[in-house]
Amino acid sequence: MKKSNIIITFLIAGLLYSLASGAASLPNYYPTNFRMWGVLNRLDIKTGEAVINDMKMTLSDNLHVYTLNTQFSSVQSLHTGMKVGFAMTARGNGAPIITEMWVLPDDYHYPSR
């Protein structure tokens, strides 16, 4: 096998390992993948608003928060700079609202789309 093929094989194996290890380190009450994710840039609990990846979003009054340590947490466990996965639904007027949020580890790598 050529030296370049060996190097490419190791790079691909390393990439696959890092993706698998990011997903494998999550608790069993986390989804296997996230449709939406990003960095929590701003959080205003009083107004029920969050900015994730520079996009302003509304938080549900009944927001379900999951952390790496507990399946049942609260919005108070969230802080800016965190990586999060989240789920949204539409309100009666069609406006999107975040209903669930999962705190992700700092070293979590998002799978490629």
Protein backbone atom coordinates (compact mmCIF):
# COMPACT_ATOMS: atom_id res chain seq x y z
CA MET A 1 0.00 0.00 0.00
CA LYS A 2 1.33 3.45 -0.87
CA LYS A 3 2.31 5.80 1.94
CA SER A 4 -0.34 8.31 0.82
CA ASN A 5 -3.08 5.63 0.98
CA ILE A 6 -2.01 4.71 4.52
CA ILE A 7 -2.14 8.35 5.61
CA ILE A 8 -5.59 8.84 4.03
CA THR A 9 -6.84 5.66 5.72
CA PHE A 10 -5.65 6.90 9.12
CA LEU A 11 -7.21 10.33 8.57
CA ILE A 12 -10.58 8.81 7.63
CA ALA A 13 -10.41 6.40 10.60
CA GLY A 14 -9.64 9.32 12.92
CA LEU A 15 -12.53 11.36 11.57
CA LEU A 16 -14.96 8.46 11.95
CA TYR A 17 -13.71 7.82 15.50
CA SER A 18 -14.18 11.47 16.49
CA LEU A 19 -17.74 11.48 15.11
CA ALA A 20 -18.59 8.21 16.82
CA SER A 21 -17.01 9.25 20.10
CA GLY A 22 -19.01 12.52 20.09
CA ALA A 23 -22.26 10.60 19.76
CA ALA A 24 -21.23 7.71 22.02
CA SER A 25 -20.48 10.00 24.96
CA LEU A 26 -24.06 11.23 25.20
CA PRO A 27 -26.49 9.81 27.79
CA ASN A 28 -29.08 7.27 26.64
CA TYR A 29 -31.91 9.81 27.07
CA TYR A 30 -30.40 11.96 24.28
CA PRO A 31 -31.48 11.48 20.66
CA THR A 32 -29.02 9.72 18.37
CA ASN A 33 -28.83 12.87 16.24
CA PHE A 34 -30.16 16.41 16.35
CA ARG A 35 -32.08 18.15 13.60
CA MET A 36 -31.05 21.52 15.03
CA TRP A 37 -28.01 22.46 17.06
CA GLY A 38 -25.67 25.32 17.75
CA VAL A 39 -24.09 27.60 20.32
CA LEU A 40 -26.30 29.40 22.82
CA ASN A 41 -25.27 33.02 22.23
CA ARG A 42 -27.79 34.69 24.54
CA LEU A 43 -30.48 33.60 26.96
CA ASP A 44 -33.18 35.75 28.53
CA ILE A 45 -35.24 33.61 30.87
CA LYS A 46 -37.59 36.49 31.79
CA THR A 47 -38.68 37.11 28.21
CA GLY A 48 -38.40 33.46 27.18
CA GLU A 49 -35.99 34.19 24.36
CA ALA A 50 -32.75 32.59 23.26
CA VAL A 51 -30.26 33.38 20.54
CA ILE A 52 -28.68 30.27 19.02
CA ASN A 53 -26.20 30.65 16.16
CA ASP A 54 -27.16 34.34 15.98
CA MET A 55 -30.85 33.52 15.46
CA LYS A 56 -33.42 34.81 17.96
CA MET A 57 -35.89 32.13 19.06
CA THR A 58 -38.72 31.76 21.54
CA LEU A 59 -38.58 29.25 24.40
CA SER A 60 -41.65 27.30 25.46
CA ASP A 61 -42.96 28.00 28.96
CA ASN A 62 -42.75 24.22 29.40
CA LEU A 63 -39.23 23.87 27.96
CA HIS A 64 -37.74 20.44 28.64
CA VAL A 65 -34.02 20.74 29.39
CA TYR A 66 -31.70 17.75 29.41
CA THR A 67 -28.13 17.91 30.66
CA LEU A 68 -25.31 15.41 30.60
CA ASN A 69 -25.93 14.74 34.31
CA THR A 70 -29.70 14.63 34.51
CA GLN A 71 -32.67 13.89 32.29
CA PHE A 72 -34.86 16.43 34.09
CA SER A 73 -33.28 19.84 34.41
CA SER A 74 -34.44 23.44 34.13
CA VAL A 75 -33.72 26.49 32.02
CA GLN A 76 -31.56 27.78 34.89
CA SER A 77 -28.95 25.14 34.01
CA LEU A 78 -28.39 26.80 30.62
CA HIS A 79 -25.78 29.48 30.04
CA THR A 80 -24.29 31.32 27.09
CA GLY A 81 -21.49 29.66 25.20
CA MET A 82 -22.93 26.14 25.57
CA LYS A 83 -23.36 23.83 22.61
CA VAL A 84 -26.99 22.70 22.48
CA GLY A 85 -29.24 20.51 20.42
CA PHE A 86 -32.90 21.53 20.31
CA ALA A 87 -36.32 20.63 18.99
CA MET A 88 -38.98 23.05 17.85
CA THR A 89 -42.66 22.99 17.10
CA ALA A 90 -45.11 25.55 15.73
CA ARG A 91 -47.47 27.47 17.95
CA GLY A 92 -51.11 27.97 17.01
CA ASN A 93 -50.17 31.05 14.97
CA GLY A 94 -47.45 29.08 13.14
CA ALA A 95 -44.52 30.77 14.91
CA PRO A 96 -41.73 28.33 15.86
CA ILE A 97 -40.98 27.70 19.51
CA ILE A 98 -38.23 25.64 21.17
CA THR A 99 -39.78 22.84 23.22
CA GLU A 100 -36.72 20.72 24.10
CA MET A 101 -33.04 21.47 24.59
CA TRP A 102 -30.11 19.14 25.20
CA VAL A 103 -26.82 20.44 26.58
CA LEU A 104 -23.95 19.02 24.53
CA PRO A 105 -20.37 18.51 25.72
CA ASP A 106 -17.87 21.19 24.71
CA ASP A 107 -15.97 18.66 22.60
CA TYR A 108 -19.08 17.37 20.82
CA HIS A 109 -18.67 17.21 17.04
CA TYR A 110 -21.79 17.65 14.97
CA PRO A 111 -22.21 14.88 12.39
CA SER A 112 -21.99 16.02 8.77
CA ARG A 113 -25.30 16.56 7.05
